[in-house]
Amino acid sequence: MISLEDLPDRIDSPAAWVGRDMQRRTDAWLVELSDSTILELEEAARHYLALGRSVGAITAADFPLGPFGDALERLREELLHGIGFEVLRGLPIDRYEREFTAAIFCGVGAHLGRARSQNAQGHILGHVRDTGVSSRDPHVRIYQTSERQSFHTDSADIVGLLCLQEAREGGLSLLVSATSIYNRMRAERPDLLVQLFEPVACDRRGETPPGAKPYLEIPVLNWYAGHLTVFYQRQYIESAQRFEGATRLTPEYLAALDMCDALAEDRSMHVRMELQPGDMQFVYNHSQLHDRTAFIDWPEPARRRHLLRLWLSPEGDRELPPCFAQRYGVLEPGNRGGIVTGDTPLTAPLD
């Protein structure tokens, strides 16, 4: 087990924010797109679509931007080294066709990092919506349901969301700083904190590369190369207990998970936001946990809650611990993350 002497007494960084402050400081993370920026994005999308290529093949070079390209460079730095999230508001998606909307979203993403596959089908453009399934099915991923999620990370360096439709009720986006959780546990319960630096089984939910175990064994918290890196999904930790050979959860480890969850759930610790149609939210997975409240959808299919999702890998990112190779495959910044099984072709489905 890792020793407390191996861990810093406190981590002071821009990512160590608390929700009660960030909820008031919307100027730190909410950016209204100007008319000139929207025109810039539209021109880049028209340029790319005129090439006749798949939306999933967009690169930064093929999606030329002017001043907003510099703004996206600053955003990438803010994600990797700053507070770790940002929302771009005001994209008028109501006047776009789906392909045009996807081209803008994927083009913005291409300036932040390389798109990665999000499932065994090789989809680099994901669709977050209720498909009528239940997370009690061990092969279902919770974003396919209307259920309350829990604070977690995704299997990529950066996750991006573009809101197409809101739910009738609920579906709020929640973010919490893993660094701030670390600081609280280090000060209040260091005996529980050290538990989270031990490997724990996490269910792959049926998306298992050839020759791999059906579960991962990565600690919730990792201190490596001077960085605290988080990897967490409580539901998948619990469902991994169904596998023979998975490390059993001890009372001490469960107590550590419970404290981590309780701190994340604390309204003074996390920030809440209601994403509006046209909002693009980008979150740095290695320093933040994200969540979504349960929701009630509209009865009309065309009005039901729907978000597009990107998983991105930026160049120049931090080193990751070797154990992340179980999930990321290669650990090279700019070329890691996502879910790839065998020779999965990469596609960008629009529906």
Protein backbone atom coordinates (compact mmCIF):
# COMPACT_ATOMS: atom_id res chain seq x y z
CA MET A 1 0.00 0.00 0.00
CA ILE A 2 1.18 3.52 -0.76
CA SER A 3 2.43 5.49 2.24
CA LEU A 4 1.18 8.93 3.23
CA GLU A 5 4.81 10.04 3.12
CA ASP A 6 4.69 9.44 -0.64
CA LEU A 7 1.79 11.88 -1.05
CA PRO A 8 1.72 15.69 -0.78
CA ASP A 9 0.09 17.24 2.28
CA ARG A 10 -1.97 19.41 -0.04
CA ILE A 11 -2.17 20.02 -3.78
CA ASP A 12 -2.50 23.68 -4.70
CA SER A 13 -3.39 24.20 -8.36
CA PRO A 14 -6.07 25.98 -10.40
CA ALA A 15 -7.86 22.61 -10.62
CA ALA A 16 -8.35 22.61 -6.81
CA TRP A 17 -11.54 24.67 -6.97
CA VAL A 18 -14.70 24.25 -4.90
CA GLY A 19 -18.23 24.46 -6.19
CA ARG A 20 -19.52 27.24 -3.94
CA ASP A 21 -16.92 29.55 -5.51
CA MET A 22 -17.13 28.28 -9.08
CA GLN A 23 -20.94 28.50 -9.10
CA ARG A 24 -20.58 32.27 -8.64
CA ARG A 25 -17.59 32.65 -10.98
CA THR A 26 -19.33 31.81 -14.24
CA ASP A 27 -16.96 34.22 -15.99
CA ALA A 28 -14.18 31.67 -15.29
CA TRP A 29 -15.81 28.91 -17.33
CA LEU A 30 -18.76 30.17 -19.42
CA VAL A 31 -17.85 31.78 -22.76
CA GLU A 32 -20.47 33.39 -25.00
CA LEU A 33 -19.63 32.91 -28.68
CA SER A 34 -19.58 36.19 -30.59
CA ASP A 35 -21.28 36.69 -33.95
CA SER A 36 -17.87 36.86 -35.63
CA THR A 37 -16.80 33.57 -34.01
CA ILE A 38 -20.01 31.86 -35.14
CA LEU A 39 -19.37 33.05 -38.71
CA GLU A 40 -15.81 31.74 -38.44
CA LEU A 41 -17.07 28.31 -37.36
CA GLU A 42 -19.70 28.23 -40.10
CA GLU A 43 -17.16 29.11 -42.79
CA ALA A 44 -14.82 26.37 -41.56
CA ALA A 45 -17.66 23.82 -41.61
CA ARG A 46 -18.67 24.78 -45.15
CA HIS A 47 -15.03 24.50 -46.22
CA TYR A 48 -14.71 21.00 -44.78
CA LEU A 49 -18.02 19.65 -46.05
CA ALA A 50 -17.16 20.89 -49.54
CA LEU A 51 -14.23 18.44 -49.49
CA GLY A 52 -16.74 15.56 -49.53
CA ARG A 53 -15.17 13.73 -46.58
CA SER A 54 -16.72 12.04 -43.56
CA VAL A 55 -17.30 14.25 -40.54
CA GLY A 56 -15.30 11.74 -38.50
CA ALA A 57 -12.16 12.48 -40.53
CA ILE A 58 -11.92 16.19 -39.64
CA THR A 59 -8.48 17.44 -38.65
CA ALA A 60 -7.48 20.89 -37.42
CA ALA A 61 -5.77 21.56 -40.76
CA ASP A 62 -8.98 20.75 -42.64
CA PHE A 63 -11.04 23.00 -40.34
CA PRO A 64 -9.24 26.35 -40.73
CA LEU A 65 -9.93 28.97 -38.07
CA GLY A 66 -8.74 32.53 -37.56
CA PRO A 67 -8.81 34.25 -34.15
CA PHE A 68 -10.96 31.50 -32.65
CA GLY A 69 -8.18 29.03 -33.35
CA ASP A 70 -6.03 30.98 -30.87
CA ALA A 71 -8.91 30.91 -28.38
CA LEU A 72 -9.07 27.10 -28.67
CA GLU A 73 -5.33 26.87 -27.97
CA ARG A 74 -5.97 28.82 -24.77
CA LEU A 75 -8.90 26.54 -23.97
CA ARG A 76 -6.70 23.46 -24.33
CA GLU A 77 -4.22 24.97 -21.87
CA GLU A 78 -7.06 25.79 -19.47
CA LEU A 79 -8.28 22.20 -19.60
CA LEU A 80 -4.84 20.64 -19.08
CA HIS A 81 -3.35 23.15 -16.63
CA GLY A 82 -6.19 25.37 -15.40
CA ILE A 83 -9.55 24.74 -13.74
CA GLY A 84 -10.20 21.83 -16.11
CA PHE A 85 -13.50 22.70 -17.79
CA GLU A 86 -15.25 25.29 -19.97
CA VAL A 87 -18.60 25.81 -21.68
CA LEU A 88 -18.93 27.55 -25.06
CA ARG A 89 -22.44 28.99 -25.40
CA GLY A 90 -24.46 30.42 -28.26
CA LEU A 91 -24.01 28.12 -31.26
CA PRO A 92 -27.30 28.53 -33.21
CA ILE A 93 -27.86 24.86 -33.98
CA ASP A 94 -31.56 25.43 -34.68
CA ARG A 95 -30.63 26.76 -38.12
CA TYR A 96 -28.24 23.90 -39.01
CA GLU A 97 -28.66 20.44 -40.48
CA ARG A 98 -27.29 17.66 -38.26
CA GLU A 99 -24.23 17.10 -40.47
CA PHE A 100 -23.35 20.81 -40.31
CA THR A 101 -23.72 20.84 -36.51
CA ALA A 102 -21.55 17.72 -36.22
CA ALA A 103 -18.93 19.25 -38.51
CA ILE A 104 -18.61 22.31 -36.26
CA PHE A 105 -18.43 20.20 -33.09
CA CYS A 106 -15.89 17.77 -34.51
CA GLY A 107 -13.92 20.66 -35.99
CA VAL A 108 -13.69 22.42 -32.64
CA GLY A 109 -12.70 19.10 -31.07
CA ALA A 110 -9.97 18.59 -33.68
CA HIS A 111 -8.32 21.81 -32.52
CA LEU A 112 -8.26 20.46 -28.95
CA GLY A 113 -7.12 16.90 -29.59
CA ARG A 114 -7.43 13.74 -31.64
CA ALA A 115 -10.87 12.08 -31.57
CA ARG A 116 -11.00 8.59 -30.04
CA SER A 117 -13.46 5.71 -30.34
CA GLN A 118 -16.16 5.62 -27.65
CA ASN A 119 -17.42 2.06 -28.03
CA ALA A 120 -16.66 -1.28 -29.64
CA GLN A 121 -18.29 -0.07 -32.87
CA GLY A 122 -15.61 2.59 -33.34
CA HIS A 123 -17.90 5.62 -32.99
CA ILE A 124 -15.88 8.80 -32.50
CA LEU A 125 -19.11 10.85 -32.38
CA GLY A 126 -21.22 9.50 -29.55
CA HIS A 127 -24.92 10.03 -28.85
CA VAL A 128 -25.93 10.51 -25.22
CA ARG A 129 -29.65 9.78 -24.83
CA ASP A 130 -32.06 7.38 -23.18
CA THR A 131 -32.41 4.23 -25.27
CA GLY A 132 -34.88 2.59 -22.89
CA VAL A 133 -32.38 0.21 -21.33
CA SER A 134 -31.33 -0.24 -17.69
CA SER A 135 -27.89 -0.06 -16.07
CA ARG A 136 -28.79 -3.26 -14.22
CA ASP A 137 -27.84 -5.00 -17.47
CA PRO A 138 -24.05 -5.51 -17.10
CA HIS A 139 -23.54 -4.81 -20.81
CA VAL A 140 -25.29 -1.42 -20.71
CA ARG A 141 -23.39 1.82 -20.16
CA ILE A 142 -25.27 4.27 -17.99
CA TYR A 143 -25.21 7.15 -20.49
CA GLN A 144 -27.69 5.07 -22.54
CA THR A 145 -30.31 5.45 -19.78
CA SER A 146 -32.25 8.28 -18.10
CA GLU A 147 -30.96 7.20 -14.68
CA ARG A 148 -28.93 9.29 -12.30
CA GLN A 149 -25.31 8.70 -13.04
CA SER A 150 -22.68 9.11 -10.34
CA PHE A 151 -19.51 11.16 -10.34
CA HIS A 152 -17.11 9.43 -12.71
CA THR A 153 -14.49 9.78 -15.41
CA ASP A 154 -14.59 8.66 -19.04
CA SER A 155 -11.88 6.69 -20.84
CA ALA A 156 -10.22 9.65 -22.54
CA ASP A 157 -8.15 12.72 -21.72
CA ILE A 158 -10.88 15.23 -22.60
CA VAL A 159 -14.63 14.68 -22.97
CA GLY A 160 -16.72 17.11 -25.00
CA LEU A 161 -20.51 17.42 -25.08
CA LEU A 162 -22.74 19.36 -27.46
CA CYS A 163 -26.33 19.76 -26.30
CA LEU A 164 -28.89 19.25 -29.09
CA GLN A 165 -32.03 18.91 -26.95
CA GLU A 166 -32.79 19.38 -23.25
CA ALA A 167 -34.90 16.99 -21.18
CA ARG A 168 -38.33 18.05 -20.01
CA GLU A 169 -37.08 17.86 -16.44
CA GLY A 170 -33.67 17.14 -14.89
CA GLY A 171 -30.52 16.07 -16.68
CA LEU A 172 -28.30 18.70 -15.03
CA SER A 173 -24.54 18.49 -15.58
CA LEU A 174 -22.41 18.32 -12.41
CA LEU A 175 -18.63 18.68 -12.06
CA VAL A 176 -16.34 18.30 -9.06
CA SER A 177 -12.59 18.67 -8.62
CA ALA A 178 -10.83 15.40 -7.80
CA THR A 179 -7.96 17.51 -6.48
CA SER A 180 -10.26 19.19 -3.95
CA ILE A 181 -11.61 15.79 -2.89
CA TYR A 182 -8.01 14.66 -2.36
CA ASN A 183 -7.25 17.73 -0.24
CA ARG A 184 -10.31 17.17 1.98
CA MET A 185 -9.59 13.47 2.50
CA ARG A 186 -5.89 14.16 3.12
CA ALA A 187 -6.81 16.59 5.88
CA GLU A 188 -9.77 14.72 7.39
CA ARG A 189 -9.30 10.98 6.76
CA PRO A 190 -5.83 10.18 5.43
CA ASP A 191 -6.34 6.55 6.46
CA LEU A 192 -9.17 6.27 3.93
CA LEU A 193 -7.39 8.34 1.30
CA VAL A 194 -4.54 5.83 0.97
CA GLN A 195 -7.07 3.10 0.16
CA LEU A 196 -7.94 4.89 -3.08
CA PHE A 197 -4.37 4.57 -4.32
CA GLU A 198 -4.67 0.76 -4.37
CA PRO A 199 -5.80 -1.03 -7.59
CA VAL A 200 -9.50 -1.90 -7.75
CA ALA A 201 -11.44 -3.96 -10.29
CA CYS A 202 -13.63 -1.94 -12.68
CA ASP A 203 -16.08 -3.63 -15.07
CA ARG A 204 -15.42 -3.22 -18.82
CA ARG A 205 -19.18 -3.76 -19.40
CA GLY A 206 -18.60 -6.26 -22.19
CA GLU A 207 -16.20 -4.09 -24.23
CA THR A 208 -13.12 -6.26 -23.74
CA PRO A 209 -10.09 -6.28 -26.05
CA PRO A 210 -8.85 -9.72 -27.16
CA GLY A 211 -6.87 -11.46 -24.43
CA ALA A 212 -7.77 -8.93 -21.71
CA LYS A 213 -9.66 -9.52 -18.48
CA PRO A 214 -13.32 -8.42 -18.43
CA TYR A 215 -12.36 -5.83 -15.84
CA LEU A 216 -9.64 -3.23 -15.32
CA GLU A 217 -7.42 -2.92 -12.25
CA ILE A 218 -6.61 0.79 -11.90
CA PRO A 219 -6.55 2.79 -8.65
CA VAL A 220 -9.18 5.51 -8.23
CA LEU A 221 -6.40 7.99 -7.45
CA ASN A 222 -2.89 7.93 -8.89
CA TRP A 223 0.12 10.08 -7.95
CA TYR A 224 2.52 9.91 -10.87
CA ALA A 225 5.08 12.27 -12.43
CA GLY A 226 3.98 15.06 -10.11
CA HIS A 227 0.28 14.85 -11.01
CA LEU A 228 -2.84 13.53 -9.29
CA THR A 229 -4.85 11.56 -11.88
CA VAL A 230 -8.32 10.18 -11.18
CA PHE A 231 -10.07 7.15 -12.73
CA TYR A 232 -13.49 6.41 -11.26
CA GLN A 233 -16.89 4.84 -11.94
CA ARG A 234 -18.51 3.50 -8.74
CA GLN A 235 -21.21 1.47 -10.52
CA TYR A 236 -18.60 -0.34 -12.58
CA ILE A 237 -16.42 -1.01 -9.53
CA GLU A 238 -19.39 -2.65 -7.85
CA SER A 239 -20.50 -4.63 -10.91
CA ALA A 240 -16.94 -5.97 -11.37
CA GLN A 241 -17.44 -7.96 -8.18
CA ARG A 242 -19.38 -10.48 -10.30
CA PHE A 243 -16.12 -11.70 -11.85
CA GLU A 244 -14.12 -14.51 -10.34
CA GLY A 245 -10.62 -13.23 -9.68
CA ALA A 246 -11.61 -9.60 -9.13
CA THR A 247 -10.13 -8.14 -5.97
CA ARG A 248 -12.82 -8.14 -3.29
CA LEU A 249 -13.95 -4.83 -1.84
CA THR A 250 -12.96 -4.57 1.82
CA PRO A 251 -14.94 -2.58 4.43
CA GLU A 252 -12.06 -0.06 4.49
CA TYR A 253 -12.12 0.38 0.72
CA LEU A 254 -15.89 0.78 0.69
CA ALA A 255 -15.60 3.42 3.40
CA ALA A 256 -13.08 5.29 1.24
CA LEU A 257 -15.41 5.15 -1.77
CA ASP A 258 -18.30 6.33 0.38
CA MET A 259 -16.33 9.34 1.59
CA CYS A 260 -15.22 10.18 -1.94
CA ASP A 261 -18.84 10.05 -3.10
CA ALA A 262 -20.10 12.06 -0.13
CA LEU A 263 -17.61 14.84 -0.83
CA ALA A 264 -18.51 14.86 -4.52
CA GLU A 265 -22.21 15.07 -3.63
CA ASP A 266 -21.63 17.98 -1.23
CA ARG A 267 -23.28 21.05 -2.82
CA SER A 268 -20.39 23.21 -1.59
CA MET A 269 -17.93 21.02 -3.50
CA HIS A 270 -19.49 20.59 -6.95
CA VAL A 271 -20.79 22.97 -9.60
CA ARG A 272 -24.12 22.45 -11.38
CA MET A 273 -25.13 23.66 -14.81
CA GLU A 274 -28.04 23.18 -17.19
CA LEU A 275 -26.67 22.78 -20.69
CA GLN A 276 -28.74 24.61 -23.29
CA PRO A 277 -29.12 23.62 -26.97
CA GLY A 278 -25.94 24.77 -28.71
CA ASP A 279 -23.76 24.59 -25.58
CA MET A 280 -20.39 22.85 -25.99
CA GLN A 281 -18.90 21.64 -22.70
CA PHE A 282 -15.30 20.38 -22.48
CA VAL A 283 -13.95 18.64 -19.36
CA TYR A 284 -10.47 17.36 -18.50
CA ASN A 285 -10.96 13.80 -17.29
CA HIS A 286 -7.75 13.51 -15.30
CA SER A 287 -8.56 16.25 -12.78
CA GLN A 288 -12.38 16.33 -12.80
CA LEU A 289 -15.28 14.00 -12.09
CA HIS A 290 -18.53 14.59 -13.94
CA ASP A 291 -22.10 13.51 -13.31
CA ARG A 292 -25.64 13.92 -14.59
CA THR A 293 -28.88 13.99 -12.66
CA ALA A 294 -31.76 11.70 -13.63
CA PHE A 295 -34.22 13.14 -16.09
CA ILE A 296 -37.77 12.90 -17.41
CA ASP A 297 -37.97 13.17 -21.17
CA TRP A 298 -40.51 14.67 -23.54
CA PRO A 299 -43.02 12.22 -25.06
CA GLU A 300 -42.30 13.48 -28.59
CA PRO A 301 -39.24 11.71 -30.07
CA ALA A 302 -37.97 14.87 -31.76
CA ARG A 303 -37.86 16.75 -28.43
CA ARG A 304 -36.10 14.11 -26.33
CA ARG A 305 -32.84 14.85 -24.56
CA HIS A 306 -29.90 14.35 -26.92
CA LEU A 307 -26.24 15.29 -26.67
CA LEU A 308 -23.33 14.60 -29.00
CA ARG A 309 -20.09 13.49 -27.36
CA LEU A 310 -16.40 13.52 -28.26
CA TRP A 311 -13.47 11.82 -26.57
CA LEU A 312 -10.24 13.68 -27.32
CA SER A 313 -6.52 13.10 -26.81
CA PRO A 314 -4.41 16.30 -26.90
CA GLU A 315 -0.72 16.44 -27.64
CA GLY A 316 1.51 17.71 -24.84
CA ASP A 317 -0.66 16.17 -22.11
CA ARG A 318 0.64 14.72 -18.83
CA GLU A 319 2.24 11.31 -18.48
CA LEU A 320 -0.13 8.62 -17.25
CA PRO A 321 0.74 5.73 -14.91
CA PRO A 322 1.61 2.45 -16.67
CA CYS A 323 -1.55 0.82 -15.29
CA PHE A 324 -3.64 3.07 -17.58
CA ALA A 325 -2.44 0.99 -20.54
CA GLN A 326 -5.20 -1.48 -19.57
CA ARG A 327 -7.76 1.08 -20.67
CA TYR A 328 -5.85 3.41 -22.97
CA GLY A 329 -3.73 0.88 -24.87
CA VAL A 330 -0.78 3.06 -25.79
CA LEU A 331 0.00 5.92 -23.40
CA GLU A 332 1.39 8.38 -25.93
CA PRO A 333 -0.20 11.83 -25.49
CA GLY A 334 -2.27 12.68 -28.53
CA ASN A 335 -2.74 9.01 -29.43
CA ARG A 336 -4.33 7.37 -26.42
CA GLY A 337 -7.70 6.62 -24.90
CA GLY A 338 -10.99 5.40 -26.23
CA ILE A 339 -12.33 1.90 -26.64
CA VAL A 340 -10.81 -0.12 -29.44
CA THR A 341 -11.37 -3.87 -29.85
CA GLY A 342 -9.48 -5.52 -32.68
CA ASP A 343 -9.52 -3.73 -36.05
CA THR A 344 -12.42 -1.43 -35.22
CA PRO A 345 -13.10 1.08 -38.03
CA LEU A 346 -13.65 4.65 -36.82
CA THR A 347 -16.98 6.26 -37.84
CA ALA A 348 -19.04 9.32 -36.93
CA PRO A 349 -22.74 8.33 -36.99
CA LEU A 350 -25.05 11.34 -37.25
CA ASP A 351 -28.08 9.64 -35.62
